[in-house]
Every structure is written in C-alpha cells, then in structure tokens.
C-alpha atoms as a PDB file:
ATOM      1  CA  MET A   1      24.377   7.061   8.383  1.00  0.00           C
ATOM      2  CA  ALA A   2      21.369   5.671   6.541  1.00  0.00           C
ATOM      3  CA  ARG A   3      21.087   3.580   3.399  1.00  0.00           C
ATOM      4  CA  ILE A   4      18.777   5.404   0.980  1.00  0.00           C
ATOM      5  CA  LEU A   5      17.308   3.929  -2.200  1.00  0.00           C
ATOM      6  CA  TYR A   6      16.612   6.889  -4.483  1.00  0.00           C
ATOM      7  CA  VAL A   7      14.566   6.403  -7.662  1.00  0.00           C
ATOM      8  CA  GLU A   8      14.566   9.402 -10.017  1.00  0.00           C
ATOM      9  CA  ASP A   9      14.663   9.627 -13.811  1.00  0.00           C
ATOM     10  CA  GLU A  10      15.791  13.278 -14.064  1.00  0.00           C
ATOM     11  CA  PRO A  11      19.627  13.080 -14.226  1.00  0.00           C
ATOM     12  CA  ALA A  12      20.342  16.665 -13.156  1.00  0.00           C
ATOM     13  CA  LEU A  13      18.031  16.529 -10.141  1.00  0.00           C
ATOM     14  CA  ALA A  14      19.233  13.058  -9.209  1.00  0.00           C
ATOM     15  CA  LYS A  15      22.863  14.218  -9.194  1.00  0.00           C
ATOM     16  CA  ILE A  16      22.101  17.165  -6.907  1.00  0.00           C
ATOM     17  CA  VAL A  17      20.017  15.142  -4.464  1.00  0.00           C
ATOM     18  CA  LYS A  18      22.426  12.193  -4.361  1.00  0.00           C
ATOM     19  CA  GLU A  19      25.460  14.406  -3.723  1.00  0.00           C
ATOM     20  CA  SER A  20      23.615  16.378  -1.064  1.00  0.00           C
ATOM     21  CA  LEU A  21      22.532  13.248   0.795  1.00  0.00           C
ATOM     22  CA  GLU A  22      25.995  11.729   0.553  1.00  0.00           C
ATOM     23  CA  SER A  23      27.538  14.937   1.915  1.00  0.00           C
ATOM     24  CA  ARG A  24      25.441  14.323   5.053  1.00  0.00           C
ATOM     25  CA  GLY A  25      27.016  10.890   5.445  1.00  0.00           C
ATOM     26  CA  HIS A  26      24.259   8.783   3.899  1.00  0.00           C
ATOM     27  CA  ALA A  27      24.873   5.899   1.508  1.00  0.00           C
ATOM     28  CA  VAL A  28      22.713   6.484  -1.570  1.00  0.00           C
ATOM     29  CA  LEU A  29      21.876   4.049  -4.342  1.00  0.00           C
ATOM     30  CA  HIS A  30      20.358   5.918  -7.280  1.00  0.00           C
ATOM     31  CA  VAL A  31      18.183   3.964  -9.706  1.00  0.00           C
ATOM     32  CA  PRO A  32      17.090   5.949 -12.800  1.00  0.00           C
ATOM     33  CA  ASP A  33      14.015   3.898 -13.719  1.00  0.00           C
ATOM     34  CA  GLY A  34      11.542   1.421 -12.293  1.00  0.00           C
ATOM     35  CA  ASN A  35      12.842  -1.702 -14.014  1.00  0.00           C
ATOM     36  CA  ARG A  36      15.671  -2.353 -11.573  1.00  0.00           C
ATOM     37  CA  VAL A  37      14.103  -1.075  -8.361  1.00  0.00           C
ATOM     38  CA  LEU A  38      12.931  -4.344  -6.817  1.00  0.00           C
ATOM     39  CA  LYS A  39      16.250  -6.067  -7.484  1.00  0.00           C
ATOM     40  CA  ALA A  40      18.114  -3.053  -6.075  1.00  0.00           C
ATOM     41  CA  PHE A  41      15.842  -3.013  -3.032  1.00  0.00           C
ATOM     42  CA  ALA A  42      16.500  -6.685  -2.280  1.00  0.00           C
ATOM     43  CA  GLU A  43      20.262  -6.316  -2.649  1.00  0.00           C
ATOM     44  CA  PHE A  44      20.770  -2.888  -1.058  1.00  0.00           C
ATOM     45  CA  GLN A  45      18.362  -3.371   1.886  1.00  0.00           C
ATOM     46  CA  PRO A  46      17.746   0.363   2.350  1.00  0.00           C
ATOM     47  CA  ASP A  47      16.682   2.102   5.559  1.00  0.00           C
ATOM     48  CA  VAL A  48      14.404   4.422   3.580  1.00  0.00           C
ATOM     49  CA  CYS A  49      13.104   4.616  -0.009  1.00  0.00           C
ATOM     50  CA  VAL A  50      12.687   7.893  -1.884  1.00  0.00           C
ATOM     51  CA  LEU A  51      10.572   7.264  -4.981  1.00  0.00           C
ATOM     52  CA  ASP A  52       9.718   9.666  -7.775  1.00  0.00           C
ATOM     53  CA  VAL A  53       6.114   9.167  -8.847  1.00  0.00           C
ATOM     54  CA  MET A  54       6.464   9.893 -12.568  1.00  0.00           C
ATOM     55  CA  LEU A  55       8.810   7.305 -14.083  1.00  0.00           C
ATOM     56  CA  PRO A  56       9.174   5.922 -17.611  1.00  0.00           C
ATOM     57  CA  GLY A  57       7.205   2.723 -18.032  1.00  0.00           C
ATOM     58  CA  THR A  58       5.808   2.668 -14.507  1.00  0.00           C
ATOM     59  CA  ASP A  59       5.122   4.924 -11.541  1.00  0.00           C
ATOM     60  CA  GLY A  60       6.338   5.280  -7.977  1.00  0.00           C
ATOM     61  CA  PHE A  61       2.982   4.240  -6.528  1.00  0.00           C
ATOM     62  CA  SER A  62       3.199   0.827  -8.204  1.00  0.00           C
ATOM     63  CA  LEU A  63       6.760   0.415  -6.964  1.00  0.00           C
ATOM     64  CA  GLY A  64       5.676   1.359  -3.458  1.00  0.00           C
ATOM     65  CA  ASN A  65       3.008  -1.339  -3.586  1.00  0.00           C
ATOM     66  CA  GLU A  66       5.547  -3.952  -4.694  1.00  0.00           C
ATOM     67  CA  ILE A  67       8.036  -2.944  -2.004  1.00  0.00           C
ATOM     68  CA  ARG A  68       5.314  -3.180   0.645  1.00  0.00           C
ATOM     69  CA  LYS A  69       4.622  -6.794  -0.369  1.00  0.00           C
ATOM     70  CA  SER A  70       8.117  -7.782   0.720  1.00  0.00           C
ATOM     71  CA  ASN A  71       8.701  -5.274   3.506  1.00  0.00           C
ATOM     72  CA  SER A  72       5.971  -3.719   5.636  1.00  0.00           C
ATOM     73  CA  GLN A  73       8.280  -1.535   7.720  1.00  0.00           C
ATOM     74  CA  VAL A  74      10.728   0.355   5.507  1.00  0.00           C
ATOM     75  CA  PRO A  75       9.736   4.043   5.249  1.00  0.00           C
ATOM     76  CA  ILE A  76       8.710   5.254   1.784  1.00  0.00           C
ATOM     77  CA  LEU A  77       8.785   8.911   0.708  1.00  0.00           C
ATOM     78  CA  PHE A  78       7.171   9.867  -2.600  1.00  0.00           C
ATOM     79  CA  LEU A  79       8.389  12.770  -4.730  1.00  0.00           C
ATOM     80  CA  THR A  80       5.585  14.131  -6.869  1.00  0.00           C
ATOM     81  CA  ALA A  81       4.847  17.027  -9.169  1.00  0.00           C
ATOM     82  CA  LYS A  82       1.152  16.231  -8.793  1.00  0.00           C
ATOM     83  CA  ASN A  83      -0.885  18.252  -6.340  1.00  0.00           C
ATOM     84  CA  GLN A  84      -4.322  16.685  -6.568  1.00  0.00           C
ATOM     85  CA  THR A  85      -5.738  15.272  -3.348  1.00  0.00           C
ATOM     86  CA  ALA A  86      -6.563  11.984  -5.094  1.00  0.00           C
ATOM     87  CA  ASP A  87      -2.923  11.533  -6.118  1.00  0.00           C
ATOM     88  CA  VAL A  88      -1.658  12.178  -2.591  1.00  0.00           C
ATOM     89  CA  LEU A  89      -4.178   9.708  -1.153  1.00  0.00           C
ATOM     90  CA  LYS A  90      -3.110   7.159  -3.768  1.00  0.00           C
ATOM     91  CA  GLY A  91       0.434   7.526  -2.469  1.00  0.00           C
ATOM     92  CA  PHE A  92      -0.631   6.776   1.096  1.00  0.00           C
ATOM     93  CA  LYS A  93      -2.708   3.798  -0.063  1.00  0.00           C
ATOM     94  CA  SER A  94       0.364   2.514  -1.909  1.00  0.00           C
ATOM     95  CA  GLY A  95       2.204   2.206   1.379  1.00  0.00           C
ATOM     96  CA  GLY A  96       3.811   5.629   1.450  1.00  0.00           C
ATOM     97  CA  ASN A  97       4.705   7.242   4.759  1.00  0.00           C
ATOM     98  CA  ASP A  98       5.156  10.752   3.444  1.00  0.00           C
ATOM     99  CA  TYR A  99       5.262  12.798   0.269  1.00  0.00           C
ATOM    100  CA  ILE A 100       6.948  15.959  -0.903  1.00  0.00           C
ATOM    101  CA  ARG A 101       5.894  18.062  -3.872  1.00  0.00           C
ATOM    102  CA  LYS A 102       8.269  19.172  -6.608  1.00  0.00           C
ATOM    103  CA  PRO A 103       9.963  21.559  -6.703  1.00  0.00           C
ATOM    104  CA  PHE A 104      11.312  21.109  -3.187  1.00  0.00           C
ATOM    105  CA  SER A 105      14.212  22.441  -1.165  1.00  0.00           C
ATOM    106  CA  MET A 106      16.986  20.122  -0.035  1.00  0.00           C
ATOM    107  CA  GLU A 107      16.390  21.298   3.526  1.00  0.00           C
ATOM    108  CA  GLU A 108      12.791  20.067   3.427  1.00  0.00           C
ATOM    109  CA  LEU A 109      13.787  16.750   1.856  1.00  0.00           C
ATOM    110  CA  LEU A 110      16.482  16.179   4.485  1.00  0.00           C
ATOM    111  CA  VAL A 111      14.105  16.967   7.349  1.00  0.00           C
ATOM    112  CA  ARG A 112      11.436  14.612   6.012  1.00  0.00           C
ATOM    113  CA  ILE A 113      13.927  11.785   5.475  1.00  0.00           C
ATOM    114  CA  GLN A 114      15.348  12.234   8.973  1.00  0.00           C
ATOM    115  CA  ASN A 115      11.856  12.239  10.437  1.00  0.00           C
ATOM    116  CA  LEU A 116      11.055   8.939   8.720  1.00  0.00           C
ATOM    117  CA  LEU A 117      14.334   7.447   9.932  1.00  0.00           C
ATOM    118  CA  ASN A 118      13.606   8.540  13.497  1.00  0.00           C
ATOM    119  CA  LEU A 119      10.145   6.966  13.354  1.00  0.00           C
ATOM    120  CA  ALA A 120      11.584   3.732  11.973  1.00  0.00           C
ATOM    121  CA  ILE A 121      14.195   3.565  14.743  1.00  0.00           C
ATOM    122  CA  ALA A 122      11.557   4.222  17.408  1.00  0.00           C
ATOM    123  CA  SER A 123       9.317   1.540  15.938  1.00  0.00           C
ATOM    124  CA  GLN A 124      12.126  -1.024  15.840  1.00  0.00           C
ATOM    125  CA  SER A 125      13.037  -0.321  19.467  1.00  0.00           C
ATOM    126  CA  ILE A 126       9.590  -1.486  20.601  1.00  0.00           C
ATOM    127  CA  HIS A 127       9.103  -5.228  20.935  1.00  0.00           C
ATOM    128  CA  HIS A 128       5.911  -5.812  18.977  1.00  0.00           C
ATOM    129  CA  GLU A 129       3.985  -8.910  19.950  1.00  0.00           C
ATOM    130  CA  ASP A 130       0.407  -9.689  19.007  1.00  0.00           C
ATOM    131  CA  ARG A 131      -1.703  -7.317  21.073  1.00  0.00           C
ATOM    132  CA  PRO A 132      -5.172  -8.218  22.362  1.00  0.00           C
ATOM    133  CA  ILE A 133      -7.781  -5.539  21.610  1.00  0.00           C
ATOM    134  CA  GLY A 134     -11.109  -6.788  22.952  1.00  0.00           C
ATOM    135  CA  LYS A 135     -11.969  -9.889  20.952  1.00  0.00           C
ATOM    136  CA  PHE A 136      -9.348  -8.953  18.352  1.00  0.00           C
ATOM    137  CA  SER A 137      -5.667  -9.806  18.073  1.00  0.00           C
ATOM    138  CA  PHE A 138      -3.516  -7.133  16.459  1.00  0.00           C
ATOM    139  CA  SER A 139      -0.097  -7.815  14.910  1.00  0.00           C
ATOM    140  CA  PRO A 140       1.769  -4.555  14.196  1.00  0.00           C
ATOM    141  CA  VAL A 141       4.542  -6.439  12.400  1.00  0.00           C
ATOM    142  CA  GLN A 142       2.233  -8.366  10.054  1.00  0.00           C
ATOM    143  CA  GLN A 143      -0.248  -5.468   9.960  1.00  0.00           C
ATOM    144  CA  LEU A 144      -3.116  -7.852  10.678  1.00  0.00           C
ATOM    145  CA  LEU A 145      -6.238  -7.402  12.802  1.00  0.00           C
ATOM    146  CA  ARG A 146      -7.802 -10.784  13.556  1.00  0.00           C
ATOM    147  CA  SER A 147     -10.983 -11.983  15.207  1.00  0.00           C
ATOM    148  CA  ASP A 148     -12.700 -15.365  15.285  1.00  0.00           C
ATOM    149  CA  ARG A 149     -14.854 -14.277  12.362  1.00  0.00           C
ATOM    150  CA  GLN A 150     -12.442 -12.480  10.027  1.00  0.00           C
ATOM    151  CA  THR A 151      -8.977 -11.091   9.370  1.00  0.00           C
ATOM    152  CA  HIS A 152      -8.273  -7.573   8.148  1.00  0.00           C
ATOM    153  CA  GLN A 153      -5.040  -6.856   6.281  1.00  0.00           C
ATOM    154  CA  LEU A 154      -4.313  -3.290   7.320  1.00  0.00           C
ATOM    155  CA  SER A 155      -2.497  -0.718   5.257  1.00  0.00           C
ATOM    156  CA  HIS A 156       0.781   0.604   6.623  1.00  0.00           C
ATOM    157  CA  ARG A 157      -0.794   3.791   7.968  1.00  0.00           C
ATOM    158  CA  GLU A 158      -3.820   1.991   9.381  1.00  0.00           C
ATOM    159  CA  SER A 159      -1.448  -0.264  11.287  1.00  0.00           C
ATOM    160  CA  GLN A 160       0.636   2.667  12.523  1.00  0.00           C
ATOM    161  CA  LEU A 161      -2.470   4.476  13.750  1.00  0.00           C
ATOM    162  CA  LEU A 162      -3.953   1.438  15.490  1.00  0.00           C
ATOM    163  CA  ASP A 163      -0.580   0.706  17.070  1.00  0.00           C
ATOM    164  CA  LEU A 164      -0.363   4.232  18.453  1.00  0.00           C
ATOM    165  CA  LEU A 165      -3.926   4.323  19.792  1.00  0.00           C
ATOM    166  CA  SER A 166      -3.935   0.834  21.323  1.00  0.00           C
ATOM    167  CA  ALA A 167      -0.495   1.029  22.963  1.00  0.00           C
ATOM    168  CA  LYS A 168      -1.960   2.684  26.073  1.00  0.00           C
ATOM    169  CA  PRO A 169      -5.661   1.848  26.479  1.00  0.00           C
ATOM    170  CA  GLY A 170      -7.629   4.705  27.976  1.00  0.00           C
ATOM    171  CA  ALA A 171      -4.869   7.260  27.440  1.00  0.00           C
ATOM    172  CA  ILE A 172      -5.538  10.424  25.458  1.00  0.00           C
ATOM    173  CA  VAL A 173      -3.529  10.735  22.251  1.00  0.00           C
ATOM    174  CA  SER A 174      -3.618  14.226  20.782  1.00  0.00           C
ATOM    175  CA  ARG A 175      -4.359  14.816  17.120  1.00  0.00           C
ATOM    176  CA  LYS A 176      -1.170  16.818  16.815  1.00  0.00           C
ATOM    177  CA  ASP A 177       0.971  13.982  18.173  1.00  0.00           C
ATOM    178  CA  ILE A 178      -0.668  11.508  15.781  1.00  0.00           C
ATOM    179  CA  LEU A 179      -0.163  13.773  12.782  1.00  0.00           C
ATOM    180  CA  LEU A 180       3.469  14.514  13.622  1.00  0.00           C
ATOM    181  CA  GLN A 181       4.385  10.905  14.379  1.00  0.00           C
ATOM    182  CA  ILE A 182       2.629   9.292  11.414  1.00  0.00           C
ATOM    183  CA  TRP A 183       2.281  11.989   8.742  1.00  0.00           C
ATOM    184  CA  GLY A 184       5.216  14.195   9.656  1.00  0.00           C
ATOM    185  CA  ASP A 185       3.236  17.435   9.926  1.00  0.00           C
ATOM    186  CA  ASP A 186      -0.135  18.676  11.178  1.00  0.00           C
ATOM    187  CA  SER A 187      -1.355  20.400   8.023  1.00  0.00           C
ATOM    188  CA  PHE A 188      -5.071  20.803   7.339  1.00  0.00           C
ATOM    189  CA  PHE A 189      -4.958  18.200   4.553  1.00  0.00           C
ATOM    190  CA  ASN A 190      -3.281  15.598   6.785  1.00  0.00           C
ATOM    191  CA  SER A 191      -5.782  16.365   9.536  1.00  0.00           C
ATOM    192  CA  ARG A 192      -8.678  15.536   7.205  1.00  0.00           C
ATOM    193  CA  THR A 193      -6.859  12.388   6.095  1.00  0.00           C
ATOM    194  CA  LEU A 194      -6.578  11.326   9.744  1.00  0.00           C
ATOM    195  CA  ASP A 195     -10.378  11.571  10.046  1.00  0.00           C
ATOM    196  CA  VAL A 196     -10.701   9.112   7.151  1.00  0.00           C
ATOM    197  CA  TYR A 197      -8.331   6.627   8.789  1.00  0.00           C
ATOM    198  CA  ILE A 198     -10.116   6.861  12.147  1.00  0.00           C
ATOM    199  CA  LYS A 199     -13.387   6.002  10.385  1.00  0.00           C
ATOM    200  CA  LYS A 200     -11.731   2.996   8.697  1.00  0.00           C
ATOM    201  CA  LEU A 201     -10.453   1.646  12.018  1.00  0.00           C
ATOM    202  CA  ARG A 202     -13.864   2.071  13.635  1.00  0.00           C
ATOM    203  CA  ASN A 203     -15.407   0.057  10.800  1.00  0.00           C
ATOM    204  CA  TYR A 204     -12.905  -2.748  11.331  1.00  0.00           C
ATOM    205  CA  LEU A 205     -13.533  -2.774  15.092  1.00  0.00           C
ATOM    206  CA  GLU A 206     -17.352  -2.554  15.081  1.00  0.00           C
ATOM    207  CA  GLU A 207     -17.604  -6.334  15.488  1.00  0.00           C
ATOM    208  CA  ASP A 208     -16.787  -5.816  19.195  1.00  0.00           C
ATOM    209  CA  PRO A 209     -18.890  -2.996  20.747  1.00  0.00           C
ATOM    210  CA  SER A 210     -16.598  -2.889  23.803  1.00  0.00           C
ATOM    211  CA  VAL A 211     -13.768  -1.567  21.608  1.00  0.00           C
ATOM    212  CA  GLN A 212     -14.173   2.127  20.939  1.00  0.00           C
ATOM    213  CA  ILE A 213     -12.116   4.979  19.589  1.00  0.00           C
ATOM    214  CA  ILE A 214     -13.542   7.976  21.426  1.00  0.00           C
ATOM    215  CA  THR A 215     -13.187  11.417  19.902  1.00  0.00           C
ATOM    216  CA  LEU A 216     -12.318  14.217  22.308  1.00  0.00           C
ATOM    217  CA  ARG A 217     -13.225  17.210  20.197  1.00  0.00           C
ATOM    218  CA  GLY A 218     -10.410  19.713  19.884  1.00  0.00           C
ATOM    219  CA  VAL A 219      -8.021  17.396  21.755  1.00  0.00           C
ATOM    220  CA  GLY A 220      -7.581  13.964  20.201  1.00  0.00           C
ATOM    221  CA  TYR A 221      -8.646  10.366  20.754  1.00  0.00           C
ATOM    222  CA  ARG A 222      -8.894   7.789  23.506  1.00  0.00           C
ATOM    223  CA  MET A 223      -9.134   4.081  22.768  1.00  0.00           C
ATOM    224  CA  VAL A 224     -10.906   1.820  25.262  1.00  0.00           C
ATOM    225  CA  PHE A 225     -11.317  -1.955  25.266  1.00  0.00           C
END
C-alpha cells in the first residue's frame, strides 16, 4: 500500500481516480485546490504525489517546485491537458518524475504510479554517501555536485542521471535502461530530452577533463573518471 497525495480540481474525475486507487489498496488524500497542498503534504507524508497542472489560483508546476524545496526524493507525477513540448519540459524542471496527458486510462495511471513507487523503493534501498567523481564530490541525497571552485545544485532528474551513470565507473549504461528507469518509457520525446540532460551534466563536469561521459552511438553511455 502506498500513500498518495492527489491534487485535482475536477470533482467527477477526482472521485473516479480516488476510488480506483483505493480499490487497489492505496491510501489517497485528495486535495481539490493548491491552497492546502503544502500543509497536506507535510501532514500526510505521501509516498508519491499526483498533481494536476491546471488548478484555480495556481498550477501544479509551482506546487511541484515548492514540494521539491522540502523533499528532494518523493516522486511527482503531473497530470496535464497540455501537449506542448515546452510545457512538458517545464514539468520536468519543476521536479517532476513523470507526466501523463489527459484524457488518460486508469490502467496507464496505475502503471506509471507503480513504476515511480518501484524506483523510489530501489533508490531508498541504496545507501547514498557522497561519491567522489574526479575532483568533484556528488551527493545524491542533497542533489549537489561540489568542487573546490563551485557547487552545482542539480535538478531531480540531473541528480538521478548522474547517480545512475557514476554508480559503476567504466560500465556501459544503455539509453533504454536510462529512459525506463528515470523517465518511465523510451519514447522519442524522452530520448531527445535525455540528450539535453547529458549535455547539462557534461557542462557541469568540464572543470575536470578526466571526467567524461562517453557516448556509444546506438548503445548508450559510459562514464569514466
């Protein structure tokens, strides 16, 4: 059973989703607007957050940002009727782990929630200490990449990606595995998004030339340091 914080302002949809999740054994706290979300989050301590993007007076992206300030680990799934690439990217930059477009099937929602829960459990089972990467020190928990010269506050996905690549130096990590573990599927759009995140990490790491993320075309990546 998981504790799910569900933020949705459409009463009919909220009723269907809440009852469906509860029938699977989950504990669901439904919040109909953004005003009470942060208080509900602090009190309910959910295992996963499902946030509608379009809310009266605010939006799910802003709420995701606020939640990330107090908790860097809890999975966040955005529900959105928007289908523009810029909106989806905004969701990821707001700390989201996944998104699903409206209208959606309950089967798809359940699979995506379970996938996020599985990733969270796997992440918690690993004892994360600060990890040396060349002249850098990487903290997966704090999502910080430090050197003697500067400190980078990583986004949630940047931290997940660096954690995955640096866990086994020299080992090949396939693109498909990265996309499935971090984005939940290996769609063309997510594949292009991965390219953007790889470029960001390379920019952060360029201070130490011995640290490299090597592209193996058609296969994946290998990180050496």
